[in-house]
Amino acid sequence: MTAEELSKVIVTGMEDKKASDIVVMDLRDITSTMTDFFVICSGSSDTQVEGISNAVEETVFNRSNERPWRSEGKTNRQWVLMDYVNVVVHIFLKEKREFYQLEELWGDAKVTKINSH
């Protein structure tokens, strides 16, 4: 599965748990990045952040038999990072996302906003 296909699968997992403000950032044309894509979303509560991260992990595993190489933040459920090597997932509690402004740090990336229903 390509990094682009994996990004789409991750978005599906996020949408299943009603994640908001889903953004896919294509970092492939930026030099010195450690990954090809960031997929970022927000949850309105720590329970939703946990649910989104679980849904992403299940959806990716069911479609590609892959597990994250590394995962962080599942205990505090405010910012969960899931590293699939070529795609890094960031699931934020809404206030934390506003504070860290990851999208601003990677302003040169090609950004696709996902219109969630």
N, C-alpha and C. Protein backbone atom coordinates (compact mmCIF):
# COMPACT_ATOMS: atom_id res chain seq x y z
N MET A 1 0.85 -1.18 0.00
CA MET A 1 0.00 0.00 0.00
C MET A 1 0.89 1.24 0.00
N THR A 2 0.62 2.17 -0.89
CA THR A 2 1.41 3.40 -0.95
C THR A 2 1.05 4.32 0.22
N ALA A 3 1.89 5.28 0.46
CA ALA A 3 1.63 6.25 1.53
C ALA A 3 0.35 7.03 1.26
N GLU A 4 0.11 7.33 -0.01
CA GLU A 4 -1.10 8.05 -0.37
C GLU A 4 -2.36 7.21 -0.08
N GLU A 5 -2.30 5.93 -0.43
CA GLU A 5 -3.43 5.03 -0.15
C GLU A 5 -3.63 4.86 1.36
N LEU A 6 -2.53 4.74 2.09
CA LEU A 6 -2.61 4.62 3.54
C LEU A 6 -3.26 5.85 4.15
N SER A 7 -2.93 7.03 3.64
CA SER A 7 -3.54 8.27 4.13
C SER A 7 -5.05 8.23 3.98
N LYS A 8 -5.52 7.72 2.86
CA LYS A 8 -6.97 7.64 2.61
C LYS A 8 -7.64 6.66 3.57
N VAL A 9 -6.98 5.55 3.86
CA VAL A 9 -7.51 4.58 4.81
C VAL A 9 -7.59 5.19 6.20
N ILE A 10 -6.58 5.94 6.58
CA ILE A 10 -6.55 6.62 7.87
C ILE A 10 -7.71 7.61 7.98
N VAL A 11 -7.95 8.37 6.91
CA VAL A 11 -9.07 9.32 6.89
C VAL A 11 -10.39 8.58 7.11
N THR A 12 -10.54 7.42 6.49
CA THR A 12 -11.77 6.62 6.66
C THR A 12 -11.97 6.27 8.13
N GLY A 13 -10.91 5.84 8.80
CA GLY A 13 -11.01 5.53 10.23
C GLY A 13 -11.40 6.74 11.06
N MET A 14 -10.86 7.90 10.70
CA MET A 14 -11.20 9.14 11.40
C MET A 14 -12.66 9.50 11.18
N GLU A 15 -13.11 9.39 9.95
CA GLU A 15 -14.50 9.73 9.63
C GLU A 15 -15.48 8.81 10.34
N ASP A 16 -15.10 7.55 10.52
CA ASP A 16 -15.97 6.59 11.21
C ASP A 16 -16.28 7.03 12.64
N LYS A 17 -15.39 7.78 13.24
CA LYS A 17 -15.60 8.25 14.62
C LYS A 17 -15.88 9.76 14.67
N LYS A 18 -16.33 10.31 13.56
CA LYS A 18 -16.79 11.70 13.48
C LYS A 18 -15.70 12.71 13.88
N ALA A 19 -14.46 12.45 13.49
CA ALA A 19 -13.37 13.40 13.72
C ALA A 19 -13.68 14.70 12.97
N SER A 20 -13.21 15.81 13.49
CA SER A 20 -13.46 17.09 12.82
C SER A 20 -12.15 17.66 12.28
N ASP A 21 -12.30 18.59 11.35
CA ASP A 21 -11.15 19.31 10.77
C ASP A 21 -10.05 18.37 10.28
N ILE A 22 -10.41 17.38 9.48
CA ILE A 22 -9.43 16.43 8.97
C ILE A 22 -8.63 17.08 7.84
N VAL A 23 -7.31 16.99 7.95
CA VAL A 23 -6.40 17.57 6.97
C VAL A 23 -5.35 16.53 6.61
N VAL A 24 -5.08 16.40 5.30
CA VAL A 24 -3.99 15.55 4.83
C VAL A 24 -2.92 16.49 4.27
N MET A 25 -1.73 16.39 4.82
CA MET A 25 -0.62 17.25 4.39
C MET A 25 0.40 16.41 3.64
N ASP A 26 0.61 16.75 2.38
CA ASP A 26 1.58 16.05 1.53
C ASP A 26 2.93 16.73 1.69
N LEU A 27 3.87 16.03 2.30
CA LEU A 27 5.19 16.59 2.61
C LEU A 27 6.27 16.09 1.64
N ARG A 28 5.87 15.37 0.60
CA ARG A 28 6.86 14.72 -0.27
C ARG A 28 7.76 15.71 -1.00
N ASP A 29 7.29 16.91 -1.29
CA ASP A 29 8.12 17.89 -2.00
C ASP A 29 8.93 18.79 -1.09
N ILE A 30 8.87 18.54 0.20
CA ILE A 30 9.62 19.34 1.17
C ILE A 30 10.87 18.58 1.57
N THR A 31 12.02 19.23 1.45
CA THR A 31 13.27 18.56 1.81
C THR A 31 13.37 18.42 3.33
N SER A 32 14.08 17.43 3.73
CA SER A 32 14.39 17.12 5.14
C SER A 32 13.16 16.83 6.00
N THR A 33 12.16 16.17 5.43
CA THR A 33 11.06 15.71 6.26
C THR A 33 11.27 14.22 6.53
N MET A 34 10.72 13.76 7.61
CA MET A 34 10.91 12.37 8.03
C MET A 34 9.81 11.45 7.52
N THR A 35 8.80 12.01 6.88
CA THR A 35 7.66 11.22 6.44
C THR A 35 7.08 11.83 5.17
N ASP A 36 6.19 11.12 4.51
CA ASP A 36 5.58 11.62 3.28
C ASP A 36 4.28 12.39 3.53
N PHE A 37 3.52 11.96 4.53
CA PHE A 37 2.23 12.59 4.81
C PHE A 37 2.01 12.75 6.30
N PHE A 38 1.32 13.83 6.67
CA PHE A 38 0.71 13.99 7.98
C PHE A 38 -0.79 13.90 7.74
N VAL A 39 -1.50 13.18 8.58
CA VAL A 39 -2.96 13.22 8.57
C VAL A 39 -3.35 13.70 9.97
N ILE A 40 -4.05 14.83 10.00
CA ILE A 40 -4.35 15.50 11.27
C ILE A 40 -5.86 15.64 11.42
N CYS A 41 -6.34 15.46 12.65
CA CYS A 41 -7.75 15.70 12.92
C CYS A 41 -7.92 16.13 14.37
N SER A 42 -9.14 16.53 14.68
CA SER A 42 -9.48 16.94 16.04
C SER A 42 -10.62 16.10 16.58
N GLY A 43 -10.61 15.95 17.91
CA GLY A 43 -11.72 15.34 18.63
C GLY A 43 -12.19 16.33 19.68
N SER A 44 -13.45 16.24 20.04
CA SER A 44 -14.01 17.22 20.97
C SER A 44 -13.86 16.82 22.44
N SER A 45 -13.44 15.58 22.70
CA SER A 45 -13.22 15.12 24.08
C SER A 45 -12.10 14.09 24.08
N ASP A 46 -11.54 13.85 25.27
CA ASP A 46 -10.48 12.84 25.33
C ASP A 46 -11.01 11.46 24.98
N THR A 47 -12.28 11.20 25.26
CA THR A 47 -12.90 9.93 24.89
C THR A 47 -12.96 9.79 23.37
N GLN A 48 -13.33 10.87 22.69
CA GLN A 48 -13.39 10.82 21.23
C GLN A 48 -12.00 10.67 20.64
N VAL A 49 -11.00 11.35 21.19
CA VAL A 49 -9.62 11.22 20.71
C VAL A 49 -9.19 9.75 20.80
N GLU A 50 -9.50 9.11 21.91
CA GLU A 50 -9.16 7.68 22.07
C GLU A 50 -9.92 6.83 21.05
N GLY A 51 -11.20 7.12 20.86
CA GLY A 51 -12.01 6.37 19.90
C GLY A 51 -11.49 6.51 18.48
N ILE A 52 -11.09 7.72 18.11
CA ILE A 52 -10.54 7.96 16.77
C ILE A 52 -9.25 7.17 16.59
N SER A 53 -8.37 7.22 17.58
CA SER A 53 -7.09 6.51 17.45
C SER A 53 -7.32 5.01 17.33
N ASN A 54 -8.25 4.47 18.11
CA ASN A 54 -8.56 3.04 18.01
C ASN A 54 -9.14 2.69 16.64
N ALA A 55 -10.03 3.56 16.13
CA ALA A 55 -10.64 3.31 14.82
C ALA A 55 -9.60 3.36 13.71
N VAL A 56 -8.68 4.31 13.78
CA VAL A 56 -7.62 4.40 12.77
C VAL A 56 -6.78 3.12 12.79
N GLU A 57 -6.37 2.72 13.98
CA GLU A 57 -5.54 1.52 14.09
C GLU A 57 -6.26 0.28 13.56
N GLU A 58 -7.53 0.11 13.91
CA GLU A 58 -8.32 -1.04 13.43
C GLU A 58 -8.51 -0.99 11.92
N THR A 59 -8.87 0.16 11.40
CA THR A 59 -9.14 0.30 9.97
C THR A 59 -7.88 0.00 9.16
N VAL A 60 -6.75 0.56 9.57
CA VAL A 60 -5.49 0.32 8.86
C VAL A 60 -5.12 -1.15 8.95
N PHE A 61 -5.25 -1.74 10.13
CA PHE A 61 -4.89 -3.15 10.28
C PHE A 61 -5.78 -4.04 9.42
N ASN A 62 -7.08 -3.76 9.40
CA ASN A 62 -8.01 -4.58 8.62
C ASN A 62 -7.76 -4.48 7.12
N ARG A 63 -7.29 -3.34 6.65
CA ARG A 63 -7.10 -3.16 5.21
C ARG A 63 -5.68 -3.48 4.74
N SER A 64 -4.69 -3.38 5.64
CA SER A 64 -3.31 -3.56 5.18
C SER A 64 -2.47 -4.47 6.08
N ASN A 65 -3.05 -4.94 7.18
CA ASN A 65 -2.33 -5.78 8.12
C ASN A 65 -1.13 -5.05 8.74
N GLU A 66 -1.19 -3.73 8.78
CA GLU A 66 -0.11 -2.92 9.35
C GLU A 66 -0.52 -2.37 10.71
N ARG A 67 0.44 -2.30 11.59
CA ARG A 67 0.27 -1.64 12.88
C ARG A 67 1.23 -0.45 12.90
N PRO A 68 0.92 0.56 13.73
CA PRO A 68 1.87 1.69 13.79
C PRO A 68 3.23 1.22 14.27
N TRP A 69 4.27 1.79 13.67
CA TRP A 69 5.63 1.50 14.09
C TRP A 69 5.81 2.00 15.52
N ARG A 70 5.19 3.13 15.80
CA ARG A 70 5.27 3.74 17.12
C ARG A 70 3.99 4.52 17.38
N SER A 71 3.58 4.58 18.63
CA SER A 71 2.38 5.32 19.01
C SER A 71 2.63 6.01 20.34
N GLU A 72 2.19 7.25 20.46
CA GLU A 72 2.40 8.00 21.70
C GLU A 72 1.15 8.79 22.05
N GLY A 73 0.94 9.04 23.32
CA GLY A 73 -0.13 9.92 23.76
C GLY A 73 -1.45 9.25 24.08
N LYS A 74 -1.49 7.92 23.98
CA LYS A 74 -2.77 7.25 24.22
C LYS A 74 -3.21 7.31 25.68
N THR A 75 -2.27 7.51 26.60
CA THR A 75 -2.67 7.56 28.01
C THR A 75 -3.28 8.90 28.39
N ASN A 76 -2.74 10.00 27.86
CA ASN A 76 -3.33 11.30 28.22
C ASN A 76 -4.45 11.73 27.28
N ARG A 77 -4.51 11.14 26.08
CA ARG A 77 -5.62 11.33 25.13
C ARG A 77 -5.86 12.80 24.77
N GLN A 78 -4.79 13.59 24.70
CA GLN A 78 -4.93 14.98 24.28
C GLN A 78 -4.28 15.20 22.91
N TRP A 79 -3.22 14.45 22.66
CA TRP A 79 -2.54 14.47 21.36
C TRP A 79 -1.98 13.08 21.14
N VAL A 80 -2.62 12.32 20.29
CA VAL A 80 -2.15 10.97 19.99
C VAL A 80 -1.40 11.02 18.66
N LEU A 81 -0.18 10.51 18.67
CA LEU A 81 0.64 10.43 17.47
C LEU A 81 0.82 8.96 17.12
N MET A 82 0.52 8.63 15.87
CA MET A 82 0.69 7.25 15.40
C MET A 82 1.59 7.29 14.18
N ASP A 83 2.72 6.62 14.28
CA ASP A 83 3.73 6.68 13.23
C ASP A 83 3.69 5.40 12.39
N TYR A 84 3.24 5.57 11.14
CA TYR A 84 3.24 4.47 10.18
C TYR A 84 4.41 4.62 9.21
N VAL A 85 5.47 5.25 9.62
CA VAL A 85 6.71 5.52 8.90
C VAL A 85 6.49 6.53 7.76
N ASN A 86 5.79 6.15 6.70
CA ASN A 86 5.56 7.08 5.58
C ASN A 86 4.37 8.00 5.80
N VAL A 87 3.56 7.68 6.81
CA VAL A 87 2.41 8.51 7.17
C VAL A 87 2.40 8.64 8.69
N VAL A 88 2.32 9.88 9.17
CA VAL A 88 2.23 10.12 10.61
C VAL A 88 0.86 10.72 10.90
N VAL A 89 0.17 10.13 11.86
CA VAL A 89 -1.18 10.53 12.23
C VAL A 89 -1.11 11.37 13.50
N HIS A 90 -1.81 12.51 13.50
CA HIS A 90 -1.91 13.36 14.68
C HIS A 90 -3.39 13.52 15.00
N ILE A 91 -3.80 13.07 16.18
CA ILE A 91 -5.19 13.21 16.63
C ILE A 91 -5.16 14.10 17.87
N PHE A 92 -5.73 15.28 17.72
CA PHE A 92 -5.66 16.28 18.77
C PHE A 92 -7.00 16.50 19.46
N LEU A 93 -6.94 16.80 20.74
CA LEU A 93 -8.04 17.45 21.41
C LEU A 93 -8.07 18.86 20.82
N LYS A 94 -9.24 19.36 20.51
CA LYS A 94 -9.37 20.61 19.76
C LYS A 94 -8.48 21.74 20.31
N GLU A 95 -8.47 21.95 21.63
CA GLU A 95 -7.68 23.04 22.22
C GLU A 95 -6.18 22.83 22.01
N LYS A 96 -5.73 21.59 22.10
CA LYS A 96 -4.30 21.29 21.91
C LYS A 96 -3.88 21.56 20.47
N ARG A 97 -4.75 21.25 19.53
CA ARG A 97 -4.43 21.50 18.12
C ARG A 97 -4.27 22.99 17.87
N GLU A 98 -5.16 23.78 18.45
CA GLU A 98 -5.07 25.24 18.29
C GLU A 98 -3.77 25.76 18.91
N PHE A 99 -3.35 25.17 20.02
CA PHE A 99 -2.14 25.61 20.70
C PHE A 99 -0.89 25.28 19.89
N TYR A 100 -0.78 24.06 19.39
CA TYR A 100 0.44 23.64 18.71
C TYR A 100 0.51 24.07 17.25
N GLN A 101 -0.60 24.27 16.59
CA GLN A 101 -0.66 24.77 15.22
C GLN A 101 0.32 24.07 14.28
N LEU A 102 0.25 22.75 14.25
CA LEU A 102 1.14 21.95 13.40
C LEU A 102 1.08 22.36 11.93
N GLU A 103 -0.12 22.67 11.46
CA GLU A 103 -0.27 23.04 10.05
C GLU A 103 0.58 24.27 9.70
N GLU A 104 0.72 25.18 10.66
CA GLU A 104 1.50 26.39 10.42
C GLU A 104 3.00 26.08 10.30
N LEU A 105 3.46 25.08 11.03
CA LEU A 105 4.88 24.71 11.00
C LEU A 105 5.29 24.15 9.65
N TRP A 106 4.34 23.54 8.96
CA TRP A 106 4.61 22.91 7.67
C TRP A 106 3.86 23.66 6.58
N GLY A 107 4.01 24.97 6.55
CA GLY A 107 3.29 25.83 5.63
C GLY A 107 3.54 25.55 4.16
N ASP A 108 4.67 24.92 3.82
CA ASP A 108 4.99 24.61 2.42
C ASP A 108 4.32 23.34 1.92
N ALA A 109 3.69 22.61 2.80
CA ALA A 109 3.06 21.34 2.40
C ALA A 109 1.82 21.58 1.55
N LYS A 110 1.52 20.61 0.72
CA LYS A 110 0.28 20.63 -0.05
C LYS A 110 -0.81 20.09 0.88
N VAL A 111 -1.81 20.93 1.18
CA VAL A 111 -2.82 20.60 2.17
C VAL A 111 -4.15 20.27 1.51
N THR A 112 -4.74 19.16 1.91
CA THR A 112 -6.07 18.78 1.45
C THR A 112 -6.98 18.71 2.66
N LYS A 113 -8.02 19.54 2.67
CA LYS A 113 -9.00 19.51 3.76
C LYS A 113 -10.11 18.54 3.36
N ILE A 114 -10.45 17.67 4.28
CA ILE A 114 -11.48 16.67 4.04
C ILE A 114 -12.81 17.21 4.55
N ASN A 115 -13.80 17.23 3.69
CA ASN A 115 -15.13 17.68 4.11
C ASN A 115 -15.87 16.53 4.75
N SER A 116 -15.91 16.53 6.07
CA SER A 116 -16.62 15.48 6.79
C SER A 116 -18.09 15.85 6.90
N HIS A 117 -18.92 14.85 6.88
CA HIS A 117 -20.37 15.09 6.89
C HIS A 117 -20.84 15.45 8.28
